[in-house]
Amino acid sequence: MIWAMLAGCAVGDRHVVTVDGTRRNYYLTAPEGVTGAPLILGLHGGGTEGGDKGRRLGASSGFSELAEREGFVAAYPSSYAGNWDDGRDAPFVPPEGISDLDFIEAVIDDIDTRVGIDRDRVYVTGASNGGFMTNHLACQRTELFAAFANVIGGMPTDYVCEPQALAPMLLMPGTADPLVPYEGGAVAGEDEESGQRGSLIPQTENQAFWRDANNCTGDPVVTSRPDTATEDGSTVREERWTACDGDSEVLSLIVEGGGHTWPGGTQYAPVALIGTVNRDIVAQDEIWAFFQRHSR
C-alpha cells in the first residue's frame, strides 16, 4: 500500500534517534521561534521500500504548511523497513529487538529536547498502515497522546486493545476502499487464510470500540457535509459522540463512496486500483480542528 497525498512542500530537518541499539530517523518541521507548541506526528502508509518514508509523507501530507501557518510542530517518523508493526501478525513484524512503540516514544522525547513542546498536546495521525499504527498507539501508548486520527486504517481481527486512558478518536474510512475494506475482512484483497496482510474488523465495530473506550453514551449527532464536489462520486457523513467521559469525543467522517485515499489529496493511482478521492473535505484541516479540541 504505497500512496501519496498532496504536492510536495518542505519537510524540515532529518534527525536520528537510537532505540535499543538501532538508529532510526524522523523529519521535523518546527516554525521558527516556536516553543511549548502542540506536536503532531504523521505516520506514513506501508510499502516495500526501506526505512526513510517519513520524508515522503512530510512532503505530501500538507501538515508542514499547516504547521507553519498555525504554529504547531509536525514530525514524520520512518518505519524500520517500510512498514509499521501495527498489531497485525504479518508481514509487519520487525526483527527481534526492534520496537516501533519504543521508537515513537523516543521521537517525542527527542523533539521535546530539541524545541520544547506542550506534552499535554501531543497528537498522532496516519493513513493506511499508518492508520493501523495510530490505532495501535491509542491502545498501547494511550498516555502519550491527547487525541488520535486514523485515516483509511483499521483495527486488526482478534487484536487485544486495552487503552490506559481516554482516547479521543477521529476515524476517516472510505466505504468503497478496495484495500482496507469498510465491511472488514482481508486487507488488500488477499486471501484471508494466507495472512499476507492480515484482516480487520468492520469499521463500524472499530467505531463502536472507541465509543465504548471513551464511555460515550446516547446516539451520535449525524450530519451530512455539503457535497461541494459533485464530480468526485463521494459524500461525507459525520457521526459525532460528545457525551463521553471527561472532555473526550469520538468522531467519524465516513466517506460514502470514498476509496483508499486521503480526502482532499491527489488521485495517486488509478481509481480502479484505489478508489476515488473525496473533494468535499481536506483531511489535514479536519484533523487539526479535531486535535485543537483536546488536551491531555
C-alpha atoms as a PDB file:
ATOM      1  CA  MET A   1       0.000   0.000   0.000  1.00  0.00           C
ATOM      2  CA  ILE A   2       2.219   2.770  -1.304  1.00  0.00           C
ATOM      3  CA  TRP A   3       0.388   6.053  -1.565  1.00  0.00           C
ATOM      4  CA  ALA A   4       0.913   9.789  -1.655  1.00  0.00           C
ATOM      5  CA  MET A   5      -1.428  12.631  -0.859  1.00  0.00           C
ATOM      6  CA  LEU A   6      -0.543  16.143  -1.992  1.00  0.00           C
ATOM      7  CA  ALA A   7       2.056  18.053  -3.946  1.00  0.00           C
ATOM      8  CA  GLY A   8       5.311  18.467  -2.035  1.00  0.00           C
ATOM      9  CA  CYS A   9       6.461  21.080   0.433  1.00  0.00           C
ATOM     10  CA  ALA A  10       9.469  21.388   2.745  1.00  0.00           C
ATOM     11  CA  VAL A  11       9.590  18.756   5.482  1.00  0.00           C
ATOM     12  CA  GLY A  12      12.264  20.265   7.715  1.00  0.00           C
ATOM     13  CA  ASP A  13      15.392  18.602   9.070  1.00  0.00           C
ATOM     14  CA  ARG A  14      16.213  14.912   9.346  1.00  0.00           C
ATOM     15  CA  HIS A  15      17.064  13.683  12.842  1.00  0.00           C
ATOM     16  CA  VAL A  16      18.281  10.328  14.131  1.00  0.00           C
ATOM     17  CA  VAL A  17      17.495   8.603  17.417  1.00  0.00           C
ATOM     18  CA  THR A  18      18.988   5.350  18.643  1.00  0.00           C
ATOM     19  CA  VAL A  19      16.479   2.950  20.160  1.00  0.00           C
ATOM     20  CA  ASP A  20      17.601  -0.406  21.542  1.00  0.00           C
ATOM     21  CA  GLY A  21      20.859  -0.041  19.634  1.00  0.00           C
ATOM     22  CA  THR A  22      19.192   0.710  16.277  1.00  0.00           C
ATOM     23  CA  ARG A  23      19.447   4.068  14.508  1.00  0.00           C
ATOM     24  CA  ARG A  24      16.059   5.350  13.351  1.00  0.00           C
ATOM     25  CA  ASN A  25      15.139   8.643  11.677  1.00  0.00           C
ATOM     26  CA  TYR A  26      12.369  11.213  11.526  1.00  0.00           C
ATOM     27  CA  TYR A  27      11.799  14.588   9.866  1.00  0.00           C
ATOM     28  CA  LEU A  28      10.846  17.658  11.859  1.00  0.00           C
ATOM     29  CA  THR A  29       9.068  20.880  10.932  1.00  0.00           C
ATOM     30  CA  ALA A  30       9.180  23.457  13.726  1.00  0.00           C
ATOM     31  CA  PRO A  31       8.177  27.049  12.914  1.00  0.00           C
ATOM     32  CA  GLU A  32      10.980  29.464  13.744  1.00  0.00           C
ATOM     33  CA  GLY A  33      10.977  30.610  17.356  1.00  0.00           C
ATOM     34  CA  VAL A  34       8.139  28.310  18.409  1.00  0.00           C
ATOM     35  CA  THR A  35       8.330  26.723  21.862  1.00  0.00           C
ATOM     36  CA  GLY A  36       5.781  24.983  24.031  1.00  0.00           C
ATOM     37  CA  ALA A  37       3.667  24.262  20.949  1.00  0.00           C
ATOM     38  CA  PRO A  38       1.498  21.243  20.129  1.00  0.00           C
ATOM     39  CA  LEU A  39       3.129  18.332  18.279  1.00  0.00           C
ATOM     40  CA  ILE A  40       1.503  16.261  15.537  1.00  0.00           C
ATOM     41  CA  LEU A  41       3.155  13.004  14.496  1.00  0.00           C
ATOM     42  CA  GLY A  42       2.265  11.868  10.970  1.00  0.00           C
ATOM     43  CA  LEU A  43       2.705   8.169  10.192  1.00  0.00           C
ATOM     44  CA  HIS A  44       3.247   7.034   6.620  1.00  0.00           C
ATOM     45  CA  GLY A  45       1.498   4.191   4.817  1.00  0.00           C
ATOM     46  CA  GLY A  46       3.056   0.807   4.130  1.00  0.00           C
ATOM     47  CA  GLY A  47       5.129  -0.418   1.222  1.00  0.00           C
ATOM     48  CA  THR A  48       8.198  -2.343   0.230  1.00  0.00           C
ATOM     49  CA  GLU A  49      10.918   0.312   0.212  1.00  0.00           C
ATOM     50  CA  GLY A  50      13.299   0.975   3.090  1.00  0.00           C
ATOM     51  CA  GLY A  51      13.108   2.984   6.258  1.00  0.00           C
ATOM     52  CA  ASP A  52      13.102   6.631   5.154  1.00  0.00           C
ATOM     53  CA  LYS A  53       9.449   7.060   4.266  1.00  0.00           C
ATOM     54  CA  GLY A  54       8.818   9.809   6.795  1.00  0.00           C
ATOM     55  CA  ARG A  55      10.367  12.297   4.383  1.00  0.00           C
ATOM     56  CA  ARG A  56       7.885  11.441   1.651  1.00  0.00           C
ATOM     57  CA  LEU A  57       4.881  11.700   3.954  1.00  0.00           C
ATOM     58  CA  GLY A  58       6.139  15.040   5.260  1.00  0.00           C
ATOM     59  CA  ALA A  59       6.358  16.325   1.710  1.00  0.00           C
ATOM     60  CA  SER A  60       2.907  15.105   0.726  1.00  0.00           C
ATOM     61  CA  SER A  61       0.596  15.370   3.723  1.00  0.00           C
ATOM     62  CA  GLY A  62       0.149  19.137   3.911  1.00  0.00           C
ATOM     63  CA  PHE A  63       0.921  19.164   7.645  1.00  0.00           C
ATOM     64  CA  SER A  64       4.203  21.088   7.286  1.00  0.00           C
ATOM     65  CA  GLU A  65       2.491  24.005   5.553  1.00  0.00           C
ATOM     66  CA  LEU A  66      -0.286  23.858   8.140  1.00  0.00           C
ATOM     67  CA  ALA A  67       2.282  23.795  10.973  1.00  0.00           C
ATOM     68  CA  GLU A  68       3.984  26.919   9.662  1.00  0.00           C
ATOM     69  CA  ARG A  69       0.647  28.689   9.397  1.00  0.00           C
ATOM     70  CA  GLU A  70      -0.898  27.511  12.690  1.00  0.00           C
ATOM     71  CA  GLY A  71       2.223  27.421  14.867  1.00  0.00           C
ATOM     72  CA  PHE A  72       2.445  23.752  15.806  1.00  0.00           C
ATOM     73  CA  VAL A  73       5.303  21.266  15.395  1.00  0.00           C
ATOM     74  CA  ALA A  74       4.994  18.427  12.874  1.00  0.00           C
ATOM     75  CA  ALA A  75       7.156  15.314  12.716  1.00  0.00           C
ATOM     76  CA  TYR A  76       7.277  12.341  10.373  1.00  0.00           C
ATOM     77  CA  PRO A  77       8.946   9.180  11.718  1.00  0.00           C
ATOM     78  CA  SER A  78      10.117   6.460   9.345  1.00  0.00           C
ATOM     79  CA  SER A  79       9.293   2.823   9.985  1.00  0.00           C
ATOM     80  CA  TYR A  80      12.092   0.262  10.174  1.00  0.00           C
ATOM     81  CA  ALA A  81      11.751  -1.249   6.703  1.00  0.00           C
ATOM     82  CA  GLY A  82       8.792   0.394   5.044  1.00  0.00           C
ATOM     83  CA  ASN A  83       6.006  -0.967   7.257  1.00  0.00           C
ATOM     84  CA  TRP A  84       4.861  -0.186  10.787  1.00  0.00           C
ATOM     85  CA  ASP A  85       4.468  -3.032  13.283  1.00  0.00           C
ATOM     86  CA  ASP A  86       0.819  -2.092  13.747  1.00  0.00           C
ATOM     87  CA  GLY A  87      -0.626  -5.078  15.605  1.00  0.00           C
ATOM     88  CA  ARG A  88      -1.215  -7.336  12.623  1.00  0.00           C
ATOM     89  CA  ASP A  89       0.665 -10.635  12.582  1.00  0.00           C
ATOM     90  CA  ALA A  90       2.183 -10.312   9.129  1.00  0.00           C
ATOM     91  CA  PRO A  91       4.097  -9.006   7.257  1.00  0.00           C
ATOM     92  CA  PHE A  92       4.724  -6.127   9.621  1.00  0.00           C
ATOM     93  CA  VAL A  93       6.623  -7.769  12.479  1.00  0.00           C
ATOM     94  CA  PRO A  94      10.197  -6.374  12.536  1.00  0.00           C
ATOM     95  CA  PRO A  95      13.288  -8.291  13.676  1.00  0.00           C
ATOM     96  CA  GLU A  96      13.539  -9.131  17.344  1.00  0.00           C
ATOM     97  CA  GLY A  97      14.597  -6.125  19.405  1.00  0.00           C
ATOM     98  CA  ILE A  98      13.033  -3.540  17.063  1.00  0.00           C
ATOM     99  CA  SER A  99      10.069  -1.782  18.699  1.00  0.00           C
ATOM    100  CA  ASP A 100       8.070   0.829  16.815  1.00  0.00           C
ATOM    101  CA  LEU A 101       6.229   1.684  20.028  1.00  0.00           C
ATOM    102  CA  ASP A 102       9.512   2.478  21.792  1.00  0.00           C
ATOM    103  CA  PHE A 103      10.706   4.374  18.723  1.00  0.00           C
ATOM    104  CA  ILE A 104       7.672   6.665  18.648  1.00  0.00           C
ATOM    105  CA  GLU A 105       8.115   7.415  22.356  1.00  0.00           C
ATOM    106  CA  ALA A 106      11.808   8.192  21.766  1.00  0.00           C
ATOM    107  CA  VAL A 107      10.917  10.546  18.897  1.00  0.00           C
ATOM    108  CA  ILE A 108       8.573  12.536  21.140  1.00  0.00           C
ATOM    109  CA  ASP A 109      11.260  12.811  23.832  1.00  0.00           C
ATOM    110  CA  ASP A 110      13.880  13.872  21.271  1.00  0.00           C
ATOM    111  CA  ILE A 111      11.635  16.579  19.824  1.00  0.00           C
ATOM    112  CA  ASP A 112      10.845  17.880  23.296  1.00  0.00           C
ATOM    113  CA  THR A 113      14.573  18.167  23.992  1.00  0.00           C
ATOM    114  CA  ARG A 114      15.213  19.972  20.706  1.00  0.00           C
ATOM    115  CA  VAL A 115      12.390  22.509  20.550  1.00  0.00           C
ATOM    116  CA  GLY A 116      10.265  22.171  23.694  1.00  0.00           C
ATOM    117  CA  ILE A 117       6.690  21.035  23.130  1.00  0.00           C
ATOM    118  CA  ASP A 118       3.472  21.015  25.121  1.00  0.00           C
ATOM    119  CA  ARG A 119       3.402  17.424  26.385  1.00  0.00           C
ATOM    120  CA  ASP A 120      -0.315  17.774  27.066  1.00  0.00           C
ATOM    121  CA  ARG A 121      -0.943  18.444  23.362  1.00  0.00           C
ATOM    122  CA  VAL A 122       0.842  15.647  21.527  1.00  0.00           C
ATOM    123  CA  TYR A 123      -1.211  14.041  18.751  1.00  0.00           C
ATOM    124  CA  VAL A 124      -0.767  11.253  16.228  1.00  0.00           C
ATOM    125  CA  THR A 125      -2.357  10.557  12.873  1.00  0.00           C
ATOM    126  CA  GLY A 126      -1.662   8.222   9.990  1.00  0.00           C
ATOM    127  CA  ALA A 127      -3.192   6.683   6.913  1.00  0.00           C
ATOM    128  CA  SER A 128      -3.392   3.077   5.743  1.00  0.00           C
ATOM    129  CA  ASN A 129      -0.609   1.190   7.601  1.00  0.00           C
ATOM    130  CA  GLY A 130      -0.053   4.468   9.483  1.00  0.00           C
ATOM    131  CA  GLY A 131      -3.740   4.487  10.423  1.00  0.00           C
ATOM    132  CA  PHE A 132      -3.479   0.970  11.813  1.00  0.00           C
ATOM    133  CA  MET A 133      -0.387   2.138  13.730  1.00  0.00           C
ATOM    134  CA  THR A 134      -2.327   5.126  15.091  1.00  0.00           C
ATOM    135  CA  ASN A 135      -4.907   2.683  16.444  1.00  0.00           C
ATOM    136  CA  HIS A 136      -2.075   0.564  17.892  1.00  0.00           C
ATOM    137  CA  LEU A 137      -0.611   3.588  19.710  1.00  0.00           C
ATOM    138  CA  ALA A 138      -4.049   4.513  21.038  1.00  0.00           C
ATOM    139  CA  CYS A 139      -4.242   1.014  22.511  1.00  0.00           C
ATOM    140  CA  GLN A 140      -0.676   0.555  23.763  1.00  0.00           C
ATOM    141  CA  ARG A 141       0.698   4.065  24.416  1.00  0.00           C
ATOM    142  CA  THR A 142      -2.513   5.947  25.166  1.00  0.00           C
ATOM    143  CA  GLU A 143      -0.943   8.127  27.848  1.00  0.00           C
ATOM    144  CA  LEU A 144       1.486   9.769  25.405  1.00  0.00           C
ATOM    145  CA  PHE A 145      -1.205  11.462  23.318  1.00  0.00           C
ATOM    146  CA  ALA A 146      -4.115  13.841  23.693  1.00  0.00           C
ATOM    147  CA  ALA A 147      -6.019  12.601  20.618  1.00  0.00           C
ATOM    148  CA  PHE A 148      -5.739  10.297  17.615  1.00  0.00           C
ATOM    149  CA  ALA A 149      -6.815  10.378  13.949  1.00  0.00           C
ATOM    150  CA  ASN A 150      -6.989   7.171  11.914  1.00  0.00           C
ATOM    151  CA  VAL A 151      -7.415   7.710   8.167  1.00  0.00           C
ATOM    152  CA  ILE A 152      -8.244   4.657   5.991  1.00  0.00           C
ATOM    153  CA  GLY A 153      -6.729   2.330   8.607  1.00  0.00           C
ATOM    154  CA  GLY A 154      -8.470  -0.034  10.968  1.00  0.00           C
ATOM    155  CA  MET A 155      -8.210  -2.489  13.847  1.00  0.00           C
ATOM    156  CA  PRO A 156      -6.886  -5.993  13.171  1.00  0.00           C
ATOM    157  CA  THR A 157      -9.074  -9.032  13.714  1.00  0.00           C
ATOM    158  CA  ASP A 158      -8.532 -10.681  17.136  1.00  0.00           C
ATOM    159  CA  TYR A 159      -6.392  -7.747  18.268  1.00  0.00           C
ATOM    160  CA  VAL A 160      -6.433  -7.091  22.030  1.00  0.00           C
ATOM    161  CA  CYS A 161      -6.720  -3.356  22.698  1.00  0.00           C
ATOM    162  CA  GLU A 162      -6.505  -2.092  26.270  1.00  0.00           C
ATOM    163  CA  PRO A 163      -6.214   1.727  26.303  1.00  0.00           C
ATOM    164  CA  GLN A 164      -4.966   3.029  29.634  1.00  0.00           C
ATOM    165  CA  ALA A 165      -6.716   6.399  29.415  1.00  0.00           C
ATOM    166  CA  LEU A 166      -9.400   8.202  27.466  1.00  0.00           C
ATOM    167  CA  ALA A 167      -8.524   8.318  23.788  1.00  0.00           C
ATOM    168  CA  PRO A 168     -10.399  10.912  21.703  1.00  0.00           C
ATOM    169  CA  MET A 169     -10.550   9.371  18.244  1.00  0.00           C
ATOM    170  CA  LEU A 170     -11.231  10.659  14.735  1.00  0.00           C
ATOM    171  CA  LEU A 171     -11.921   7.939  12.167  1.00  0.00           C
ATOM    172  CA  MET A 172     -11.946   8.638   8.437  1.00  0.00           C
ATOM    173  CA  PRO A 173     -12.747   5.469   6.454  1.00  0.00           C
ATOM    174  CA  GLY A 174     -13.959   5.098   2.875  1.00  0.00           C
ATOM    175  CA  THR A 175     -16.945   2.840   2.275  1.00  0.00           C
ATOM    176  CA  ALA A 176     -15.593   1.816  -1.154  1.00  0.00           C
ATOM    177  CA  ASP A 177     -11.986   1.272  -0.052  1.00  0.00           C
ATOM    178  CA  PRO A 178     -10.709  -1.735  -2.060  1.00  0.00           C
ATOM    179  CA  LEU A 179      -7.612  -2.252   0.116  1.00  0.00           C
ATOM    180  CA  VAL A 180      -8.879  -1.732   3.678  1.00  0.00           C
ATOM    181  CA  PRO A 181     -12.496  -2.869   3.272  1.00  0.00           C
ATOM    182  CA  TYR A 182     -15.117  -0.932   5.212  1.00  0.00           C
ATOM    183  CA  GLU A 183     -17.042  -4.137   5.968  1.00  0.00           C
ATOM    184  CA  GLY A 184     -13.916  -5.819   7.342  1.00  0.00           C
ATOM    185  CA  GLY A 185     -12.079  -8.908   6.159  1.00  0.00           C
ATOM    186  CA  ALA A 186      -8.843  -9.471   4.307  1.00  0.00           C
ATOM    187  CA  VAL A 187      -6.641  -6.416   3.766  1.00  0.00           C
ATOM    188  CA  ALA A 188      -5.619  -5.536   0.198  1.00  0.00           C
ATOM    189  CA  GLY A 189      -7.914  -8.187  -1.226  1.00  0.00           C
ATOM    190  CA  GLU A 190      -5.592 -11.040  -0.265  1.00  0.00           C
ATOM    191  CA  ASP A 191      -6.988 -14.410   0.724  1.00  0.00           C
ATOM    192  CA  GLU A 192      -7.544 -14.088   4.457  1.00  0.00           C
ATOM    193  CA  GLU A 193      -6.148 -17.560   5.124  1.00  0.00           C
ATOM    194  CA  SER A 194      -2.817 -16.631   3.553  1.00  0.00           C
ATOM    195  CA  GLY A 195      -2.270 -13.983   6.207  1.00  0.00           C
ATOM    196  CA  GLN A 196      -0.260 -11.916   3.750  1.00  0.00           C
ATOM    197  CA  ARG A 197      -1.599  -8.597   5.005  1.00  0.00           C
ATOM    198  CA  GLY A 198      -3.865  -9.752   7.792  1.00  0.00           C
ATOM    199  CA  SER A 199      -7.504  -8.819   8.245  1.00  0.00           C
ATOM    200  CA  LEU A 200      -9.523  -6.196  10.068  1.00  0.00           C
ATOM    201  CA  ILE A 201     -12.832  -5.917  11.886  1.00  0.00           C
ATOM    202  CA  PRO A 202     -15.631  -3.898  10.241  1.00  0.00           C
ATOM    203  CA  GLN A 203     -15.191  -0.148  10.570  1.00  0.00           C
ATOM    204  CA  THR A 204     -18.498   0.054  12.419  1.00  0.00           C
ATOM    205  CA  GLU A 205     -17.029  -2.221  15.103  1.00  0.00           C
ATOM    206  CA  ASN A 206     -13.851  -0.146  15.257  1.00  0.00           C
ATOM    207  CA  GLN A 207     -16.029   2.920  15.795  1.00  0.00           C
ATOM    208  CA  ALA A 208     -18.060   1.122  18.479  1.00  0.00           C
ATOM    209  CA  PHE A 209     -14.870   0.077  20.275  1.00  0.00           C
ATOM    210  CA  TRP A 210     -13.657   3.668  20.624  1.00  0.00           C
ATOM    211  CA  ARG A 211     -17.120   4.853  21.585  1.00  0.00           C
ATOM    212  CA  ASP A 212     -17.119   2.334  24.451  1.00  0.00           C
ATOM    213  CA  ALA A 213     -13.472   3.016  25.373  1.00  0.00           C
ATOM    214  CA  ASN A 214     -14.348   6.677  25.889  1.00  0.00           C
ATOM    215  CA  ASN A 215     -17.588   5.791  27.704  1.00  0.00           C
ATOM    216  CA  CYS A 216     -19.706   7.690  25.206  1.00  0.00           C
ATOM    217  CA  THR A 217     -23.451   7.362  25.694  1.00  0.00           C
ATOM    218  CA  GLY A 218     -26.538   8.002  23.641  1.00  0.00           C
ATOM    219  CA  ASP A 219     -26.818   8.325  19.905  1.00  0.00           C
ATOM    220  CA  PRO A 220     -24.368  10.271  17.771  1.00  0.00           C
ATOM    221  CA  VAL A 221     -25.169  13.576  16.173  1.00  0.00           C
ATOM    222  CA  VAL A 222     -25.325  12.699  12.471  1.00  0.00           C
ATOM    223  CA  THR A 223     -24.934  15.315   9.758  1.00  0.00           C
ATOM    224  CA  SER A 224     -24.210  15.273   6.056  1.00  0.00           C
ATOM    225  CA  ARG A 225     -21.379  17.507   4.968  1.00  0.00           C
ATOM    226  CA  PRO A 226     -22.144  19.701   1.938  1.00  0.00           C
ATOM    227  CA  ASP A 227     -21.490  17.899  -1.348  1.00  0.00           C
ATOM    228  CA  THR A 228     -19.377  20.693  -2.786  1.00  0.00           C
ATOM    229  CA  ALA A 229     -17.564  18.478  -5.301  1.00  0.00           C
ATOM    230  CA  THR A 230     -20.336  16.575  -7.024  1.00  0.00           C
ATOM    231  CA  GLU A 231     -17.958  15.201  -9.650  1.00  0.00           C
ATOM    232  CA  ASP A 232     -15.932  13.095  -7.169  1.00  0.00           C
ATOM    233  CA  GLY A 233     -18.616  10.434  -6.745  1.00  0.00           C
ATOM    234  CA  SER A 234     -18.487  10.550  -2.945  1.00  0.00           C
ATOM    235  CA  THR A 235     -20.020  12.338   0.024  1.00  0.00           C
ATOM    236  CA  VAL A 236     -19.165  12.673   3.722  1.00  0.00           C
ATOM    237  CA  ARG A 237     -21.375  11.629   6.612  1.00  0.00           C
ATOM    238  CA  GLU A 238     -20.364  12.907  10.041  1.00  0.00           C
ATOM    239  CA  GLU A 239     -21.161  10.892  13.171  1.00  0.00           C
ATOM    240  CA  ARG A 240     -20.094  12.568  16.438  1.00  0.00           C
ATOM    241  CA  TRP A 241     -20.297  11.409  20.040  1.00  0.00           C
ATOM    242  CA  THR A 242     -19.578  14.116  22.627  1.00  0.00           C
ATOM    243  CA  ALA A 243     -21.435  12.653  25.638  1.00  0.00           C
ATOM    244  CA  CYS A 244     -18.245  10.894  26.704  1.00  0.00           C
ATOM    245  CA  ASP A 245     -16.195  10.766  29.889  1.00  0.00           C
ATOM    246  CA  GLY A 246     -14.171  13.886  30.619  1.00  0.00           C
ATOM    247  CA  ASP A 247     -13.935  16.031  27.526  1.00  0.00           C
ATOM    248  CA  SER A 248     -13.415  13.067  25.230  1.00  0.00           C
ATOM    249  CA  GLU A 249     -15.041  12.629  21.834  1.00  0.00           C
ATOM    250  CA  VAL A 250     -15.381  10.115  19.021  1.00  0.00           C
ATOM    251  CA  LEU A 251     -15.869  11.493  15.524  1.00  0.00           C
ATOM    252  CA  SER A 252     -16.308   9.534  12.305  1.00  0.00           C
ATOM    253  CA  LEU A 253     -16.081  11.255   8.940  1.00  0.00           C
ATOM    254  CA  ILE A 254     -17.334   8.413   6.789  1.00  0.00           C
ATOM    255  CA  VAL A 255     -16.586   8.955   3.108  1.00  0.00           C
ATOM    256  CA  GLU A 256     -19.502   7.352   1.301  1.00  0.00           C
ATOM    257  CA  GLY A 257     -18.090   6.047  -1.969  1.00  0.00           C
ATOM    258  CA  GLY A 258     -14.554   7.026  -0.969  1.00  0.00           C
ATOM    259  CA  GLY A 259     -11.560   4.837  -1.680  1.00  0.00           C
ATOM    260  CA  HIS A 260      -8.147   4.161  -0.155  1.00  0.00           C
ATOM    261  CA  THR A 261      -7.327   7.835  -0.383  1.00  0.00           C
ATOM    262  CA  TRP A 262      -6.625  10.975   1.642  1.00  0.00           C
ATOM    263  CA  PRO A 263      -9.619  13.338   1.380  1.00  0.00           C
ATOM    264  CA  GLY A 264      -8.538  16.469  -0.420  1.00  0.00           C
ATOM    265  CA  GLY A 265      -5.366  14.776  -1.679  1.00  0.00           C
ATOM    266  CA  THR A 266      -4.220  13.515  -5.037  1.00  0.00           C
ATOM    267  CA  GLN A 267      -5.504  10.620  -7.107  1.00  0.00           C
ATOM    268  CA  TYR A 268      -2.129   8.896  -6.707  1.00  0.00           C
ATOM    269  CA  ALA A 269      -3.159   5.706  -8.546  1.00  0.00           C
ATOM    270  CA  PRO A 270      -5.977   4.733 -10.921  1.00  0.00           C
ATOM    271  CA  VAL A 271      -9.493   4.695  -9.494  1.00  0.00           C
ATOM    272  CA  ALA A 272      -9.732   1.038 -10.479  1.00  0.00           C
ATOM    273  CA  LEU A 273      -6.944   0.246  -8.010  1.00  0.00           C
ATOM    274  CA  ILE A 274      -7.583   2.538  -5.042  1.00  0.00           C
ATOM    275  CA  GLY A 275     -10.996   4.128  -5.480  1.00  0.00           C
ATOM    276  CA  THR A 276     -11.853   7.794  -5.646  1.00  0.00           C
ATOM    277  CA  VAL A 277     -10.604  10.863  -3.730  1.00  0.00           C
ATOM    278  CA  ASN A 278     -13.221  12.898  -1.888  1.00  0.00           C
ATOM    279  CA  ARG A 279     -13.015  16.667  -2.515  1.00  0.00           C
ATOM    280  CA  ASP A 280     -15.662  17.842  -0.038  1.00  0.00           C
ATOM    281  CA  ILE A 281     -13.204  17.939   2.888  1.00  0.00           C
ATOM    282  CA  VAL A 282      -9.452  18.286   3.380  1.00  0.00           C
ATOM    283  CA  ALA A 283      -8.164  15.637   5.767  1.00  0.00           C
ATOM    284  CA  GLN A 284      -5.376  17.610   7.444  1.00  0.00           C
ATOM    285  CA  ASP A 285      -7.705  20.546   8.147  1.00  0.00           C
ATOM    286  CA  GLU A 286     -10.296  18.240   9.705  1.00  0.00           C
ATOM    287  CA  ILE A 287      -7.619  16.518  11.800  1.00  0.00           C
ATOM    288  CA  TRP A 288      -6.144  19.774  13.109  1.00  0.00           C
ATOM    289  CA  ALA A 289      -9.604  21.084  14.002  1.00  0.00           C
ATOM    290  CA  PHE A 290     -10.307  17.880  15.932  1.00  0.00           C
ATOM    291  CA  PHE A 291      -6.961  17.913  17.723  1.00  0.00           C
ATOM    292  CA  GLN A 292      -7.379  21.502  18.856  1.00  0.00           C
ATOM    293  CA  ARG A 293     -10.401  20.479  20.912  1.00  0.00           C
ATOM    294  CA  HIS A 294      -8.395  18.050  23.053  1.00  0.00           C
ATOM    295  CA  SER A 295      -5.519  18.159  25.522  1.00  0.00           C
ATOM    296  CA  ARG A 296      -4.249  15.564  27.974  1.00  0.00           C
END
